[in-house]
Amino acid sequence: MRSSLIALLPLALGLALAIAAATWNGGCSSCGACPETAVLVTASTNVNLDIHDMAWTGPACPNYAPVCRGDDVTTNCTHVYITGAAPGACDLAILFGSGLAQVVHAEFAAPPNACCPGMAVVGETTFVIPTDRDAGVVGDDGPTDAVTTLDLDAGEGGVAADAGADAGADSD
């Protein structure tokens, strides 16, 4: 009887290790609270945006060109995601059909713990392009300093004002 119990010991130990390995999360019990890893620039309603060109620059930008996506049924360009590829800044330049050119500034940091995927967004996670007026990009709750309007007539890189200043925000 004792020898049959000893023979089952390796099997029981193996089963216990398998259960422990399957349920162990590496000390990442707080991963349910991981931060956002992408910035969303989206239309205020499900209509195609009149975007003529987009480009991004910065050390945190992905290594592929920005892509405007739609709902794949009735629209083909309603939103763009900026996903951080590294800590730092990623600026998304958007040229609208109206001639308005704006830059959305996104900032990313390393994740707070090893089990959170991707780079963590620092600052605003959502920007809106109102479709009921030609207003360009604003923050989720209105004008923001994270959006800069470019003056294309001022030469390459000419900055007219940021969206917060355009809306009367204090520019101290």
Protein backbone atom coordinates (compact mmCIF):
# COMPACT_ATOMS: atom_id res chain seq x y z
CA MET A 1 0.00 0.00 0.00
CA ARG A 2 2.79 2.38 0.96
CA SER A 3 4.68 1.74 -2.26
CA SER A 4 1.61 2.57 -4.37
CA LEU A 5 1.23 5.90 -2.53
CA ILE A 6 4.90 6.66 -3.11
CA ALA A 7 4.42 5.84 -6.78
CA LEU A 8 1.55 8.36 -6.99
CA LEU A 9 3.58 11.12 -5.29
CA PRO A 10 5.34 12.28 -8.50
CA LEU A 11 2.00 12.34 -10.32
CA ALA A 12 0.35 14.38 -7.55
CA LEU A 13 3.34 16.75 -7.41
CA GLY A 14 3.25 17.18 -11.20
CA LEU A 15 -0.49 17.91 -11.09
CA ALA A 16 -0.02 20.47 -8.32
CA LEU A 17 2.77 22.21 -10.28
CA ALA A 18 0.63 22.25 -13.44
CA ILE A 19 -2.26 23.87 -11.58
CA ALA A 20 0.06 26.43 -10.00
CA ALA A 21 1.64 27.27 -13.35
CA ALA A 22 -1.74 27.65 -15.06
CA THR A 23 -3.09 30.01 -12.41
CA TRP A 24 0.07 31.97 -11.54
CA ASN A 25 0.04 35.53 -12.85
CA GLY A 26 3.60 36.53 -12.02
CA GLY A 27 2.60 38.99 -9.33
CA CYS A 28 0.42 40.98 -11.71
CA SER A 29 -2.79 41.08 -9.76
CA SER A 30 -3.08 44.82 -10.50
CA CYS A 31 -3.04 44.39 -14.28
CA GLY A 32 -6.79 44.91 -14.35
CA ALA A 33 -5.98 48.62 -13.94
CA CYS A 34 -3.53 49.00 -16.82
CA PRO A 35 -3.51 52.46 -18.44
CA GLU A 36 -4.68 53.30 -21.96
CA THR A 37 -2.07 52.46 -24.60
CA ALA A 38 -3.49 54.37 -27.57
CA VAL A 39 -4.75 57.88 -28.26
CA LEU A 40 -7.97 58.08 -30.28
CA VAL A 41 -8.61 60.91 -32.75
CA THR A 42 -12.23 60.47 -33.84
CA ALA A 43 -15.13 62.12 -35.64
CA SER A 44 -17.95 63.27 -33.39
CA THR A 45 -20.40 61.23 -35.49
CA ASN A 46 -20.07 58.26 -37.83
CA VAL A 47 -19.39 60.22 -41.03
CA ASN A 48 -16.34 60.22 -43.30
CA LEU A 49 -13.76 62.85 -42.42
CA ASP A 50 -12.31 65.01 -45.21
CA ILE A 51 -8.67 64.24 -44.43
CA HIS A 52 -6.26 64.73 -47.33
CA ASP A 53 -3.03 63.69 -45.65
CA MET A 54 -1.59 62.50 -42.35
CA ALA A 55 1.91 61.89 -41.02
CA TRP A 56 3.47 61.39 -37.64
CA THR A 57 6.84 62.22 -36.18
CA GLY A 58 8.55 61.51 -32.90
CA PRO A 59 10.37 58.73 -31.08
CA ALA A 60 7.15 57.16 -29.77
CA CYS A 61 5.44 56.86 -33.16
CA PRO A 62 4.76 53.49 -34.78
CA ASN A 63 6.96 52.45 -37.69
CA TYR A 64 4.04 52.47 -40.14
CA ALA A 65 2.06 55.33 -41.69
CA PRO A 66 -1.07 56.58 -39.89
CA VAL A 67 -4.29 55.06 -41.18
CA CYS A 68 -7.77 56.55 -40.96
CA ARG A 69 -10.34 53.82 -40.40
CA GLY A 70 -14.12 53.72 -40.56
CA ASP A 71 -16.76 51.28 -39.43
CA ASP A 72 -16.10 49.05 -42.49
CA VAL A 73 -19.79 49.23 -43.43
CA THR A 74 -20.87 52.79 -44.22
CA THR A 75 -17.66 54.78 -43.61
CA ASN A 76 -13.98 54.42 -44.42
CA CYS A 77 -12.42 57.30 -42.43
CA THR A 78 -13.80 58.22 -39.00
CA HIS A 79 -10.91 57.68 -36.60
CA VAL A 80 -7.16 57.25 -36.16
CA TYR A 81 -5.35 55.53 -33.31
CA ILE A 82 -1.91 56.69 -32.17
CA THR A 83 -0.30 53.72 -30.44
CA GLY A 84 2.97 54.42 -28.66
CA ALA A 85 5.87 52.28 -29.82
CA ALA A 86 8.29 53.66 -27.21
CA PRO A 87 8.32 56.20 -24.39
CA GLY A 88 8.25 59.81 -25.61
CA ALA A 89 6.19 61.97 -27.95
CA CYS A 90 4.33 61.19 -31.14
CA ASP A 91 2.84 64.08 -33.12
CA LEU A 92 0.11 63.32 -35.67
CA ALA A 93 -0.16 65.98 -38.38
CA ILE A 94 -3.53 66.12 -40.16
CA LEU A 95 -4.29 68.09 -43.33
CA PHE A 96 -8.03 68.54 -43.81
CA GLY A 97 -9.72 69.14 -47.17
CA SER A 98 -10.60 72.66 -46.03
CA GLY A 99 -6.88 73.51 -45.88
CA LEU A 100 -6.78 73.42 -42.08
CA ALA A 101 -3.63 71.70 -40.80
CA GLN A 102 -3.33 70.58 -37.19
CA VAL A 103 -0.99 68.51 -35.06
CA VAL A 104 -2.21 66.29 -32.23
CA HIS A 105 0.48 65.85 -29.57
CA ALA A 106 0.48 62.45 -27.85
CA GLU A 107 2.86 61.46 -25.06
CA PHE A 108 3.71 57.94 -23.92
CA ALA A 109 5.57 56.40 -20.97
CA ALA A 110 6.70 52.91 -20.04
CA PRO A 111 3.91 50.81 -18.53
CA PRO A 112 3.59 51.01 -14.73
CA ASN A 113 4.30 47.29 -14.33
CA ALA A 114 5.67 44.50 -16.47
CA CYS A 115 2.35 42.76 -17.05
CA CYS A 116 0.64 45.79 -18.63
CA PRO A 117 1.01 45.66 -22.42
CA GLY A 118 2.16 48.59 -24.53
CA MET A 119 3.21 52.12 -23.67
CA ALA A 120 1.01 54.10 -21.28
CA VAL A 121 -0.66 57.29 -22.57
CA VAL A 122 0.36 60.37 -20.60
CA GLY A 123 -2.34 63.05 -20.81
CA GLU A 124 -5.40 63.07 -23.01
CA THR A 125 -6.52 59.79 -24.55
CA THR A 126 -9.32 61.06 -26.82
CA PHE A 127 -9.53 63.92 -29.31
CA VAL A 128 -12.67 64.79 -31.27
CA ILE A 129 -13.16 66.22 -34.75
CA PRO A 130 -16.59 67.92 -34.69
CA THR A 131 -18.45 67.05 -37.88
CA ASP A 132 -21.11 69.76 -37.51
CA ARG A 133 -18.60 72.58 -38.16
CA ASP A 134 -15.15 73.06 -39.63
CA ALA A 135 -13.45 73.32 -36.25
CA GLY A 136 -10.60 70.86 -36.59
CA VAL A 137 -9.47 68.73 -33.67
CA VAL A 138 -10.38 69.51 -30.06
CA GLY A 139 -9.93 67.63 -26.80
CA ASP A 140 -12.64 65.26 -25.61
CA ASP A 141 -14.04 68.05 -23.43
CA GLY A 142 -13.20 71.06 -25.62
CA PRO A 143 -10.17 73.12 -26.66
CA THR A 144 -6.77 71.79 -25.58
CA ASP A 145 -3.12 72.79 -25.67
CA ALA A 146 -2.34 69.31 -27.02
CA VAL A 147 -3.54 70.39 -30.50
CA THR A 148 -1.59 72.91 -32.57
CA THR A 149 -2.95 74.65 -35.67
CA LEU A 150 -0.36 75.15 -38.40
CA ASP A 151 -0.24 78.19 -40.64
CA LEU A 152 0.74 76.70 -43.99
CA ASP A 153 1.19 80.19 -45.46
CA ALA A 154 3.94 80.97 -42.90
CA GLY A 155 6.31 78.47 -44.48
CA GLU A 156 7.38 75.06 -43.37
CA GLY A 157 6.45 74.35 -39.77
CA GLY A 158 4.78 77.75 -39.19
CA VAL A 159 2.62 77.58 -36.09
CA ALA A 160 -0.37 79.92 -36.03
CA ALA A 161 -1.74 79.05 -32.61
CA ASP A 162 -2.69 76.09 -30.51
CA ALA A 163 -6.33 75.06 -30.31
CA GLY A 164 -6.58 76.28 -26.73
CA ALA A 165 -5.49 79.78 -27.75
CA ASP A 166 -7.81 79.69 -30.78
CA ALA A 167 -10.70 79.15 -28.42
CA GLY A 168 -9.73 81.98 -26.11
CA ALA A 169 -7.83 79.91 -23.57
CA ASP A 170 -5.28 81.68 -21.44
CA SER A 171 -1.84 81.24 -23.02
CA ASP A 172 0.36 82.23 -20.05
